[in-house]
Amino acid sequence: MTGQLLHDTTVVRPAPRPAATRSLVCLGFCGGGTGSYRAWQPSLGEATDLALICYPGREGRFAEEFAPDWDTLAEDTTDAVARAAAAAPERPYRLFGHSMGGWMAFDVTVRLAERGAPLPERLIVSSCNAPDRGVTERDRFPRLDDTEGRLVDWMRTIGLLPGYALDDPDLREMAIELMRADITVRDSYRPRPGVTTSVPVHVLYGEDDEVVEPAVAEQWARCATGGLRVDALPGGHFYTPSVWEALPDHFADADLQERLR
C-alpha cells in the first residue's frame, strides 16, 4: 500500500517491503521533508525497506507547530526512530541524515543508547561536519538573516521545491517559513562535551562542499569510537544530481563494516 504510515504521520514508508531484511531510516535536512529521499526506493532493492521521518510542521504533520529548538526536535525524532525500529524488531536498520540531518542522526543515536533502545547497525552522515564542533559560521548555510530572495534562490539551486511552488506566493511563503524554522532549530544545537557513539559511522561529503571542514575525517574520529569510514564524492553540498540520485549505492556495500577504519 503506497504511502503507508506507521502509528501516525511521523514515520512514512512510501512502498513497504514486508520481506525486507534491513531498513534504511532517513532524517531530513534543513528546510527539507521526506520527498528528497523517495526517489531512492527503486535503487535500494527488495531487501531494504525505506522509512522516512517527517518532522513537525510539514507534509502529514502540517497542522502541528514547528519544533522551537533542537532538543524538542531531537526528542520527537528519537521517538519516531524508536517506533520505526520497533515495527520490525527482527530487522536491523541503518540511520541516515544529510547536513543538519546528519547531526540529528548522531544525536538520535546517542539518545537511543541512553534509553537502552535498539541502535542502528550503521550511522550514515552526509555533508555534515563533526557534531562536537557545535554550530560555527561555516555551518550556517543558509543563514537565518538571509533575505527571502536568497533563500528562494538556494531552494531553487538544490531542487528543494519545484519551480511552480516557488513561483506561487502562498507556497513560497510557506517554504520560507519552514526554512527559517529549521534554521532556528539548527542554530540552537549545543552538543554535550565528550559525547561519542559506538555505532560504526560512515561519512560522505562533496569534494567541492565549502561547508565541510578539510579535517572532517580527523574531527569525526573524535566522535566515532566504533569505527569510521570517510568518502569524498563529486559535487558540492548536495553532490551532483546523478550522485544524489544514486547516493545509496555509496553506502549499501555489505562489507563496509570490515573496511571501517
Protein backbone atom coordinates (compact mmCIF):
# COMPACT_ATOMS: atom_id res chain seq x y z
CA MET A 1 0.00 0.00 0.00
CA THR A 2 1.64 3.23 -1.15
CA GLY A 3 2.09 5.94 1.44
CA GLN A 4 1.50 3.66 4.42
CA LEU A 5 2.06 5.38 7.76
CA LEU A 6 3.35 3.78 10.92
CA HIS A 7 1.34 4.77 14.02
CA ASP A 8 0.95 8.34 12.79
CA THR A 9 2.23 10.68 10.11
CA THR A 10 5.74 10.78 11.58
CA VAL A 11 7.13 7.59 10.01
CA VAL A 12 6.38 7.21 6.32
CA ARG A 13 7.05 4.08 4.27
CA PRO A 14 6.46 5.01 0.60
CA ALA A 15 6.47 1.37 -0.59
CA PRO A 16 6.55 -1.08 2.34
CA ARG A 17 8.56 -4.25 1.80
CA PRO A 18 7.49 -6.78 4.45
CA ALA A 19 10.04 -9.34 3.22
CA ALA A 20 12.98 -6.92 3.51
CA THR A 21 15.95 -7.95 5.62
CA ARG A 22 17.06 -4.41 6.50
CA SER A 23 15.58 -0.93 6.93
CA LEU A 24 17.02 2.42 5.92
CA VAL A 25 15.68 5.21 8.14
CA CYS A 26 16.25 8.74 6.77
CA LEU A 27 16.17 12.09 8.57
CA GLY A 28 15.53 15.38 6.78
CA PHE A 29 17.92 18.26 6.19
CA CYS A 30 17.31 21.94 6.90
CA GLY A 31 14.12 23.03 5.15
CA GLY A 32 13.50 19.58 3.73
CA GLY A 33 10.97 16.82 4.12
CA THR A 34 10.67 13.21 3.02
CA GLY A 35 10.38 13.96 -0.70
CA SER A 36 14.11 14.14 -1.40
CA TYR A 37 14.54 10.51 -0.35
CA ARG A 38 11.54 8.91 -2.04
CA ALA A 39 13.36 8.61 -5.37
CA TRP A 40 15.86 6.25 -3.74
CA GLN A 41 13.27 3.48 -3.35
CA PRO A 42 13.89 1.71 -6.70
CA SER A 43 17.68 1.61 -6.26
CA LEU A 44 17.54 0.13 -2.77
CA GLY A 45 16.37 -3.27 -3.92
CA GLU A 46 13.76 -5.57 -2.41
CA ALA A 47 15.95 -6.37 0.59
CA THR A 48 15.76 -2.82 2.01
CA ASP A 49 12.65 -1.16 3.41
CA LEU A 50 12.72 2.66 3.29
CA ALA A 51 11.38 4.53 6.33
CA LEU A 52 11.28 8.35 6.20
CA ILE A 53 10.94 10.51 9.31
CA CYS A 54 8.67 13.54 8.92
CA TYR A 55 9.43 16.45 11.23
CA PRO A 56 6.54 18.51 12.66
CA GLY A 57 5.12 21.39 10.62
CA ARG A 58 5.30 19.76 7.17
CA GLU A 59 3.61 17.17 4.96
CA GLY A 60 1.34 14.92 7.04
CA ARG A 61 2.24 16.92 10.16
CA PHE A 62 1.45 20.27 8.59
CA ALA A 63 -1.11 21.16 11.28
CA GLU A 64 1.49 20.78 14.04
CA GLU A 65 3.70 23.59 15.28
CA PHE A 66 7.34 23.63 14.19
CA ALA A 67 9.77 22.40 16.83
CA PRO A 68 11.00 25.50 18.69
CA ASP A 69 14.53 24.23 19.35
CA TRP A 70 16.97 21.40 18.79
CA ASP A 71 16.19 19.41 21.92
CA THR A 72 12.45 19.35 21.17
CA LEU A 73 13.03 18.12 17.62
CA ALA A 74 15.65 15.60 18.73
CA GLU A 75 13.27 14.04 21.28
CA ASP A 76 10.48 13.91 18.71
CA THR A 77 12.80 12.30 16.16
CA THR A 78 14.21 9.81 18.67
CA ASP A 79 10.68 8.67 19.47
CA ALA A 80 9.99 8.24 15.76
CA VAL A 81 13.15 6.26 15.02
CA ALA A 82 12.49 4.02 18.05
CA ARG A 83 8.98 3.29 16.73
CA ALA A 84 10.32 2.60 13.24
CA ALA A 85 12.77 0.08 14.70
CA ALA A 86 10.12 -1.50 16.94
CA ALA A 87 7.84 -2.09 13.95
CA ALA A 88 10.27 -4.74 12.68
CA PRO A 89 12.41 -5.77 15.67
CA GLU A 90 13.94 -8.70 13.80
CA ARG A 91 15.24 -6.41 11.07
CA PRO A 92 18.47 -4.38 11.52
CA TYR A 93 18.33 -0.79 10.40
CA ARG A 94 20.69 1.93 9.22
CA LEU A 95 20.17 5.56 10.12
CA PHE A 96 20.90 8.24 7.50
CA GLY A 97 20.97 12.01 7.82
CA HIS A 98 22.06 14.75 5.40
CA SER A 99 23.50 18.10 6.52
CA MET A 100 21.54 19.15 9.64
CA GLY A 101 20.02 15.67 9.48
CA GLY A 102 23.49 14.21 9.98
CA TRP A 103 23.84 15.93 13.34
CA MET A 104 20.31 14.86 14.16
CA ALA A 105 21.11 11.24 13.27
CA PHE A 106 24.16 11.33 15.55
CA ASP A 107 22.21 12.90 18.42
CA VAL A 108 19.32 10.44 17.99
CA THR A 109 21.76 7.52 18.09
CA VAL A 110 23.21 8.84 21.36
CA ARG A 111 19.72 9.32 22.82
CA LEU A 112 18.65 5.82 21.77
CA ALA A 113 21.69 4.38 23.54
CA GLU A 114 20.82 6.32 26.69
CA ARG A 115 17.29 4.90 26.56
CA GLY A 116 18.55 1.36 26.05
CA ALA A 117 16.64 1.24 22.74
CA PRO A 118 17.77 -0.74 19.68
CA LEU A 119 20.62 1.04 17.89
CA PRO A 120 21.23 1.27 14.15
CA GLU A 121 23.79 -1.16 12.78
CA ARG A 122 25.37 1.78 10.98
CA LEU A 123 25.15 5.56 11.17
CA ILE A 124 25.48 7.29 7.78
CA VAL A 125 26.04 11.04 7.80
CA SER A 126 26.19 13.11 4.63
CA SER A 127 27.59 16.63 4.03
CA CYS A 128 27.98 17.11 7.75
CA ASN A 129 30.81 18.35 9.94
CA ALA A 130 31.64 16.59 13.19
CA PRO A 131 28.91 17.35 15.75
CA ASP A 132 31.22 18.08 18.68
CA ARG A 133 32.32 21.33 16.98
CA GLY A 134 28.90 22.86 17.54
CA VAL A 135 27.44 25.36 15.10
CA THR A 136 30.13 27.55 13.54
CA GLU A 137 29.88 30.25 10.88
CA ARG A 138 30.85 27.60 8.37
CA ASP A 139 27.76 25.57 9.26
CA ARG A 140 25.30 28.47 8.95
CA PHE A 141 24.29 27.65 5.41
CA PRO A 142 21.76 29.05 4.74
CA ARG A 143 21.57 31.79 7.37
CA LEU A 144 18.63 32.99 9.44
CA ASP A 145 19.20 36.58 8.31
CA ASP A 146 19.26 35.71 4.61
CA THR A 147 16.71 37.62 2.56
CA GLU A 148 13.67 35.84 1.17
CA GLY A 149 15.16 36.15 -2.28
CA ARG A 150 18.37 34.47 -1.25
CA LEU A 151 16.52 31.62 0.46
CA VAL A 152 14.37 31.11 -2.63
CA ASP A 153 17.47 31.09 -4.86
CA TRP A 154 19.04 28.48 -2.58
CA MET A 155 15.91 26.29 -2.68
CA ARG A 156 15.84 26.55 -6.47
CA THR A 157 19.51 25.62 -6.75
CA ILE A 158 19.22 22.46 -4.67
CA GLY A 159 15.86 21.48 -6.14
CA LEU A 160 14.19 21.51 -2.75
CA LEU A 161 10.87 22.59 -4.24
CA PRO A 162 9.59 22.55 -7.83
CA GLY A 163 9.52 25.82 -9.72
CA TYR A 164 5.73 26.10 -9.64
CA ALA A 165 5.79 26.02 -5.81
CA LEU A 166 8.40 28.75 -5.50
CA ASP A 167 6.59 30.86 -8.09
CA ASP A 168 3.32 30.65 -6.14
CA PRO A 169 3.29 33.40 -3.46
CA ASP A 170 1.46 31.31 -0.85
CA LEU A 171 3.55 28.17 -1.35
CA ARG A 172 6.73 30.23 -1.43
CA GLU A 173 5.80 31.91 1.84
CA MET A 174 5.20 28.51 3.49
CA ALA A 175 8.52 27.19 2.18
CA ILE A 176 10.40 30.20 3.55
CA GLU A 177 8.64 29.89 6.90
CA LEU A 178 9.64 26.22 7.08
CA MET A 179 13.23 27.03 6.14
CA ARG A 180 13.56 29.74 8.79
CA ALA A 181 12.03 27.43 11.43
CA ASP A 182 14.60 24.74 10.64
CA ILE A 183 17.47 27.21 10.61
CA THR A 184 16.39 28.36 14.09
CA VAL A 185 16.46 24.76 15.29
CA ARG A 186 19.84 24.10 13.70
CA ASP A 187 21.37 27.20 15.24
CA SER A 188 20.16 26.13 18.70
CA TYR A 189 22.18 22.89 18.58
CA ARG A 190 24.52 22.62 21.56
CA PRO A 191 26.48 19.34 21.66
CA ARG A 192 27.30 17.85 25.03
CA PRO A 193 31.07 17.74 25.56
CA GLY A 194 32.72 14.38 25.05
CA VAL A 195 29.67 12.56 23.68
CA THR A 196 30.54 9.72 21.29
CA THR A 197 28.83 6.76 19.65
CA SER A 198 29.98 3.16 19.43
CA VAL A 199 27.89 2.63 16.30
CA PRO A 200 30.07 2.43 13.16
CA VAL A 201 29.92 5.73 11.25
CA HIS A 202 30.16 6.29 7.51
CA VAL A 203 30.73 9.92 6.49
CA LEU A 204 30.05 11.13 2.94
CA TYR A 205 30.76 14.63 1.65
CA GLY A 206 31.13 16.55 -1.61
CA GLU A 207 34.63 17.34 -2.83
CA ASP A 208 33.55 20.91 -3.61
CA ASP A 209 31.44 21.48 -0.49
CA GLU A 210 32.61 24.68 1.20
CA VAL A 211 30.59 23.86 4.32
CA VAL A 212 32.53 20.73 5.25
CA GLU A 213 35.85 21.19 7.03
CA PRO A 214 39.02 19.92 5.31
CA ALA A 215 39.79 17.97 8.51
CA VAL A 216 36.39 16.26 8.50
CA ALA A 217 37.88 12.77 8.92
CA GLU A 218 40.03 13.67 11.91
CA GLN A 219 37.17 15.56 13.53
CA TRP A 220 34.63 12.76 13.11
CA ALA A 221 37.19 10.30 14.52
CA ARG A 222 36.73 12.02 17.90
CA CYS A 223 33.03 11.13 17.91
CA ALA A 224 33.03 7.65 16.37
CA THR A 225 34.52 5.08 18.71
CA GLY A 226 33.06 2.07 16.88
CA GLY A 227 34.77 2.62 13.54
CA LEU A 228 34.80 5.28 10.88
CA ARG A 229 34.91 5.49 7.11
CA VAL A 230 35.02 8.80 5.22
CA ASP A 231 34.36 9.10 1.47
CA ALA A 232 34.57 12.20 -0.74
CA LEU A 233 32.16 12.26 -3.69
CA PRO A 234 31.84 14.57 -6.71
CA GLY A 235 29.99 17.86 -6.27
CA GLY A 236 29.05 20.30 -3.55
CA HIS A 237 26.76 20.22 -0.51
CA PHE A 238 24.18 18.13 -2.39
CA TYR A 239 26.78 16.45 -4.63
CA THR A 240 25.91 16.32 -8.33
CA PRO A 241 22.35 15.37 -9.37
CA SER A 242 23.49 11.94 -10.55
CA VAL A 243 25.42 11.26 -7.34
CA TRP A 244 22.47 12.31 -5.16
CA GLU A 245 20.10 10.11 -7.16
CA ALA A 246 22.33 7.09 -6.61
CA LEU A 247 23.67 8.02 -3.16
CA PRO A 248 22.53 4.74 -1.52
CA ASP A 249 24.94 2.93 -3.85
CA HIS A 250 27.79 4.58 -1.93
CA PHE A 251 26.79 3.11 1.42
CA ALA A 252 25.00 -0.11 0.50
CA ASP A 253 28.06 -2.39 0.29
CA ALA A 254 27.76 -5.32 2.68
CA ASP A 255 31.45 -5.40 3.65
CA LEU A 256 31.63 -1.77 4.74
CA GLN A 257 31.97 -2.58 8.40
CA GLU A 258 35.07 -4.68 7.75
CA ARG A 259 36.66 -1.74 5.95
CA LEU A 260 35.84 0.93 8.50
CA ARG A 261 39.00 2.46 9.84
